[in-house]
Amino acid sequence: MGRFQLLDRVGQGSFRARLASTGHGSRPDRCLKIRMPNYQIARNLRERFRREAQMVAQLRHPGIVPVHEVLEVDGRPILVSDFIDGVPIEGLLNSQR
């Protein structure tokens, strides 16, 4: 998908990915998360998603996963962030109930 190589699906609309090797000093070993919202939601709320994602990309805090890019591929908004390996948030929330 563009300059990203999708490695596996990690959730609904989320994929673990890495930068495809370009031979120009890129870091293909870097593990990223690609988030693609549901197509119907993306189509209806594309501009809102883009604005909110760009705001999140400006945040810097140890408790917030860094967002690297907000882009569009084939008309779908895409959010690119660091991939955090571990227990999904849903699992943590369910275990605390």
N, C-alpha and C. Protein backbone atom coordinates (compact mmCIF):
# COMPACT_ATOMS: atom_id res chain seq x y z
N MET A 1 0.85 -1.16 0.00
CA MET A 1 0.00 0.00 0.00
C MET A 1 0.91 1.23 0.00
N GLY A 2 1.07 1.80 -1.14
CA GLY A 2 1.95 2.96 -1.24
C GLY A 2 3.35 2.61 -0.80
N ARG A 3 3.92 3.44 0.05
CA ARG A 3 5.29 3.16 0.51
C ARG A 3 5.33 2.29 1.76
N PHE A 4 4.17 1.74 2.15
CA PHE A 4 4.09 0.88 3.32
C PHE A 4 3.87 -0.57 2.91
N GLN A 5 4.51 -1.46 3.63
CA GLN A 5 4.30 -2.89 3.44
C GLN A 5 3.47 -3.38 4.62
N LEU A 6 2.25 -3.85 4.35
CA LEU A 6 1.38 -4.36 5.42
C LEU A 6 1.88 -5.74 5.82
N LEU A 7 2.08 -5.94 7.12
CA LEU A 7 2.60 -7.22 7.62
C LEU A 7 1.49 -8.13 8.10
N ASP A 8 0.57 -7.61 8.90
CA ASP A 8 -0.56 -8.41 9.36
C ASP A 8 -1.64 -7.49 9.93
N ARG A 9 -2.82 -8.05 10.04
CA ARG A 9 -3.97 -7.31 10.59
C ARG A 9 -3.93 -7.45 12.10
N VAL A 10 -4.12 -6.33 12.80
CA VAL A 10 -4.07 -6.36 14.27
C VAL A 10 -5.38 -5.91 14.89
N GLY A 11 -6.35 -5.65 14.09
CA GLY A 11 -7.66 -5.22 14.58
C GLY A 11 -8.52 -4.82 13.40
N GLN A 12 -9.74 -4.46 13.68
CA GLN A 12 -10.63 -4.05 12.61
C GLN A 12 -10.15 -2.70 12.06
N GLY A 13 -9.67 -2.71 10.83
CA GLY A 13 -9.18 -1.49 10.20
C GLY A 13 -7.78 -1.09 10.62
N SER A 14 -7.05 -1.98 11.31
CA SER A 14 -5.69 -1.67 11.77
C SER A 14 -4.73 -2.75 11.30
N PHE A 15 -3.55 -2.32 10.89
CA PHE A 15 -2.53 -3.22 10.38
C PHE A 15 -1.17 -2.87 10.94
N ARG A 16 -0.38 -3.90 11.18
CA ARG A 16 1.03 -3.69 11.51
C ARG A 16 1.74 -3.57 10.17
N ALA A 17 2.63 -2.59 10.05
CA ALA A 17 3.27 -2.33 8.77
C ALA A 17 4.69 -1.85 8.98
N ARG A 18 5.40 -1.73 7.90
CA ARG A 18 6.73 -1.10 7.92
C ARG A 18 6.89 -0.34 6.63
N LEU A 19 7.85 0.56 6.63
CA LEU A 19 8.15 1.31 5.41
C LEU A 19 8.74 0.35 4.39
N ALA A 20 8.25 0.40 3.18
CA ALA A 20 8.84 -0.41 2.11
C ALA A 20 10.23 0.13 1.84
N SER A 21 11.17 -0.73 1.59
CA SER A 21 12.54 -0.32 1.33
C SER A 21 12.62 0.47 0.03
N THR A 22 13.24 1.64 0.11
CA THR A 22 13.42 2.47 -1.08
C THR A 22 14.88 2.54 -1.50
N GLY A 23 15.76 2.08 -0.62
CA GLY A 23 17.18 2.15 -0.93
C GLY A 23 17.76 3.54 -0.77
N HIS A 24 16.99 4.46 -0.20
CA HIS A 24 17.45 5.84 -0.04
C HIS A 24 17.59 6.21 1.43
N GLY A 25 18.04 5.29 2.24
CA GLY A 25 18.27 5.59 3.64
C GLY A 25 17.02 5.54 4.51
N SER A 26 15.90 5.00 3.98
CA SER A 26 14.70 4.89 4.80
C SER A 26 14.92 3.82 5.86
N ARG A 27 14.03 3.76 6.83
CA ARG A 27 14.16 2.79 7.91
C ARG A 27 13.09 1.71 7.76
N PRO A 28 13.29 0.72 6.88
CA PRO A 28 12.26 -0.30 6.67
C PRO A 28 12.03 -1.20 7.87
N ASP A 29 12.94 -1.18 8.86
CA ASP A 29 12.78 -2.03 10.04
C ASP A 29 11.82 -1.42 11.07
N ARG A 30 11.43 -0.20 10.89
CA ARG A 30 10.56 0.49 11.85
C ARG A 30 9.14 -0.06 11.78
N CYS A 31 8.62 -0.48 12.91
CA CYS A 31 7.28 -1.07 12.96
C CYS A 31 6.26 0.04 13.18
N LEU A 32 5.25 0.09 12.32
CA LEU A 32 4.23 1.12 12.34
C LEU A 32 2.85 0.51 12.43
N LYS A 33 1.89 1.33 12.81
CA LYS A 33 0.49 0.91 12.78
C LYS A 33 -0.23 1.79 11.77
N ILE A 34 -0.94 1.15 10.86
CA ILE A 34 -1.74 1.85 9.86
C ILE A 34 -3.20 1.67 10.27
N ARG A 35 -3.90 2.77 10.43
CA ARG A 35 -5.31 2.73 10.83
C ARG A 35 -6.16 3.29 9.70
N MET A 36 -7.10 2.49 9.24
CA MET A 36 -8.02 2.90 8.19
C MET A 36 -9.44 2.76 8.71
N PRO A 37 -10.15 3.87 8.86
CA PRO A 37 -11.52 3.76 9.35
C PRO A 37 -12.42 3.06 8.34
N ASN A 38 -13.53 2.54 8.82
CA ASN A 38 -14.54 1.92 7.97
C ASN A 38 -14.82 2.82 6.77
N TYR A 39 -14.96 2.21 5.59
CA TYR A 39 -15.11 2.99 4.36
C TYR A 39 -16.31 3.93 4.41
N GLN A 40 -17.47 3.48 4.92
CA GLN A 40 -18.65 4.35 4.99
C GLN A 40 -18.42 5.53 5.92
N ILE A 41 -17.81 5.25 7.07
CA ILE A 41 -17.51 6.33 8.01
C ILE A 41 -16.50 7.29 7.38
N ALA A 42 -15.47 6.74 6.77
CA ALA A 42 -14.44 7.57 6.15
C ALA A 42 -15.04 8.46 5.07
N ARG A 43 -15.94 7.92 4.27
CA ARG A 43 -16.53 8.69 3.18
C ARG A 43 -17.36 9.86 3.72
N ASN A 44 -18.12 9.60 4.77
CA ASN A 44 -19.00 10.63 5.32
C ASN A 44 -18.29 11.62 6.23
N LEU A 45 -17.22 11.18 6.88
CA LEU A 45 -16.56 12.04 7.87
C LEU A 45 -15.08 12.30 7.54
N ARG A 46 -14.72 12.20 6.27
CA ARG A 46 -13.32 12.29 5.87
C ARG A 46 -12.64 13.57 6.36
N GLU A 47 -13.28 14.70 6.16
CA GLU A 47 -12.66 15.98 6.55
C GLU A 47 -12.52 16.09 8.06
N ARG A 48 -13.53 15.65 8.79
CA ARG A 48 -13.45 15.67 10.26
C ARG A 48 -12.33 14.75 10.75
N PHE A 49 -12.23 13.53 10.20
CA PHE A 49 -11.17 12.59 10.57
C PHE A 49 -9.80 13.22 10.31
N ARG A 50 -9.64 13.84 9.15
CA ARG A 50 -8.36 14.45 8.79
C ARG A 50 -7.98 15.57 9.78
N ARG A 51 -8.92 16.44 10.09
CA ARG A 51 -8.66 17.55 11.03
C ARG A 51 -8.28 17.02 12.41
N GLU A 52 -9.07 16.08 12.92
CA GLU A 52 -8.80 15.54 14.26
C GLU A 52 -7.48 14.78 14.30
N ALA A 53 -7.20 14.02 13.26
CA ALA A 53 -5.94 13.27 13.21
C ALA A 53 -4.75 14.22 13.16
N GLN A 54 -4.86 15.31 12.42
CA GLN A 54 -3.77 16.29 12.37
C GLN A 54 -3.55 16.94 13.73
N MET A 55 -4.63 17.18 14.47
CA MET A 55 -4.48 17.74 15.82
C MET A 55 -3.77 16.74 16.74
N VAL A 56 -4.15 15.47 16.67
CA VAL A 56 -3.53 14.44 17.50
C VAL A 56 -2.05 14.31 17.14
N ALA A 57 -1.72 14.44 15.86
CA ALA A 57 -0.33 14.32 15.42
C ALA A 57 0.57 15.39 16.04
N GLN A 58 0.00 16.48 16.51
CA GLN A 58 0.79 17.54 17.13
C GLN A 58 1.05 17.30 18.62
N LEU A 59 0.35 16.36 19.22
CA LEU A 59 0.50 16.09 20.66
C LEU A 59 1.78 15.30 20.93
N ARG A 60 2.47 15.67 22.00
CA ARG A 60 3.66 14.94 22.43
C ARG A 60 3.54 14.71 23.93
N HIS A 61 3.44 13.43 24.32
CA HIS A 61 3.33 13.07 25.73
C HIS A 61 3.71 11.60 25.84
N PRO A 62 4.39 11.19 26.92
CA PRO A 62 4.79 9.79 27.07
C PRO A 62 3.61 8.81 27.03
N GLY A 63 2.41 9.26 27.39
CA GLY A 63 1.25 8.38 27.41
C GLY A 63 0.44 8.38 26.13
N ILE A 64 0.91 9.09 25.11
CA ILE A 64 0.19 9.17 23.83
C ILE A 64 1.06 8.58 22.74
N VAL A 65 0.51 7.65 21.98
CA VAL A 65 1.23 7.04 20.86
C VAL A 65 1.45 8.11 19.79
N PRO A 66 2.70 8.32 19.36
CA PRO A 66 2.96 9.35 18.35
C PRO A 66 2.31 9.02 17.00
N VAL A 67 1.64 10.01 16.43
CA VAL A 67 1.08 9.91 15.09
C VAL A 67 2.08 10.57 14.16
N HIS A 68 2.52 9.83 13.13
CA HIS A 68 3.54 10.34 12.22
C HIS A 68 2.96 11.02 10.99
N GLU A 69 1.88 10.48 10.49
CA GLU A 69 1.32 11.02 9.26
C GLU A 69 -0.18 10.82 9.22
N VAL A 70 -0.83 11.72 8.51
CA VAL A 70 -2.23 11.59 8.17
C VAL A 70 -2.26 11.77 6.65
N LEU A 71 -2.70 10.75 5.95
CA LEU A 71 -2.70 10.84 4.49
C LEU A 71 -3.92 10.16 3.91
N GLU A 72 -4.04 10.21 2.61
CA GLU A 72 -5.17 9.59 1.93
C GLU A 72 -4.63 8.63 0.87
N VAL A 73 -5.17 7.42 0.85
CA VAL A 73 -4.81 6.42 -0.15
C VAL A 73 -6.10 5.92 -0.77
N ASP A 74 -6.21 6.05 -2.07
CA ASP A 74 -7.42 5.64 -2.80
C ASP A 74 -8.69 6.24 -2.19
N GLY A 75 -8.60 7.50 -1.78
CA GLY A 75 -9.76 8.19 -1.23
C GLY A 75 -10.08 7.87 0.22
N ARG A 76 -9.25 7.03 0.85
CA ARG A 76 -9.49 6.67 2.26
C ARG A 76 -8.47 7.35 3.15
N PRO A 77 -8.92 7.96 4.25
CA PRO A 77 -7.95 8.56 5.18
C PRO A 77 -7.18 7.47 5.91
N ILE A 78 -5.91 7.71 6.11
CA ILE A 78 -5.01 6.75 6.75
C ILE A 78 -4.26 7.48 7.86
N LEU A 79 -4.15 6.83 9.00
CA LEU A 79 -3.41 7.36 10.14
C LEU A 79 -2.21 6.45 10.36
N VAL A 80 -1.01 7.01 10.41
CA VAL A 80 0.22 6.24 10.59
C VAL A 80 0.83 6.61 11.94
N SER A 81 0.97 5.62 12.81
CA SER A 81 1.53 5.86 14.14
C SER A 81 2.54 4.76 14.47
N ASP A 82 3.21 4.90 15.61
CA ASP A 82 4.07 3.82 16.09
C ASP A 82 3.20 2.62 16.39
N PHE A 83 3.76 1.42 16.22
CA PHE A 83 3.07 0.20 16.61
C PHE A 83 3.53 -0.15 18.02
N ILE A 84 2.60 -0.27 18.94
CA ILE A 84 2.91 -0.63 20.31
C ILE A 84 2.51 -2.09 20.52
N ASP A 85 3.49 -2.93 20.74
CA ASP A 85 3.22 -4.35 20.92
C ASP A 85 2.83 -4.59 22.37
N GLY A 86 1.74 -5.29 22.57
CA GLY A 86 1.30 -5.57 23.94
C GLY A 86 -0.17 -5.96 23.96
N VAL A 87 -0.76 -5.88 25.12
CA VAL A 87 -2.15 -6.24 25.31
C VAL A 87 -3.04 -5.13 24.73
N PRO A 88 -4.01 -5.49 23.89
CA PRO A 88 -4.93 -4.47 23.38
C PRO A 88 -5.67 -3.78 24.51
N ILE A 89 -5.98 -2.52 24.33
CA ILE A 89 -6.67 -1.74 25.37
C ILE A 89 -7.97 -2.38 25.81
N GLU A 90 -8.68 -3.02 24.87
CA GLU A 90 -9.94 -3.68 25.22
C GLU A 90 -9.71 -4.77 26.25
N GLY A 91 -8.59 -5.49 26.11
CA GLY A 91 -8.26 -6.55 27.07
C GLY A 91 -7.99 -5.99 28.45
N LEU A 92 -7.29 -4.88 28.51
CA LEU A 92 -7.02 -4.24 29.80
C LEU A 92 -8.30 -3.75 30.45
N LEU A 93 -9.16 -3.11 29.67
CA LEU A 93 -10.41 -2.59 30.21
C LEU A 93 -11.31 -3.71 30.70
N ASN A 94 -11.41 -4.81 29.94
CA ASN A 94 -12.27 -5.93 30.33
C ASN A 94 -11.76 -6.61 31.59
N SER A 95 -10.43 -6.67 31.78
CA SER A 95 -9.88 -7.34 32.95
C SER A 95 -10.09 -6.53 34.23
N GLN A 96 -10.39 -5.24 34.10
CA GLN A 96 -10.59 -4.39 35.27
C GLN A 96 -12.04 -4.35 35.71
N ARG A 97 -12.92 -4.98 34.98
CA ARG A 97 -14.35 -4.95 35.33
C ARG A 97 -14.68 -5.98 36.37
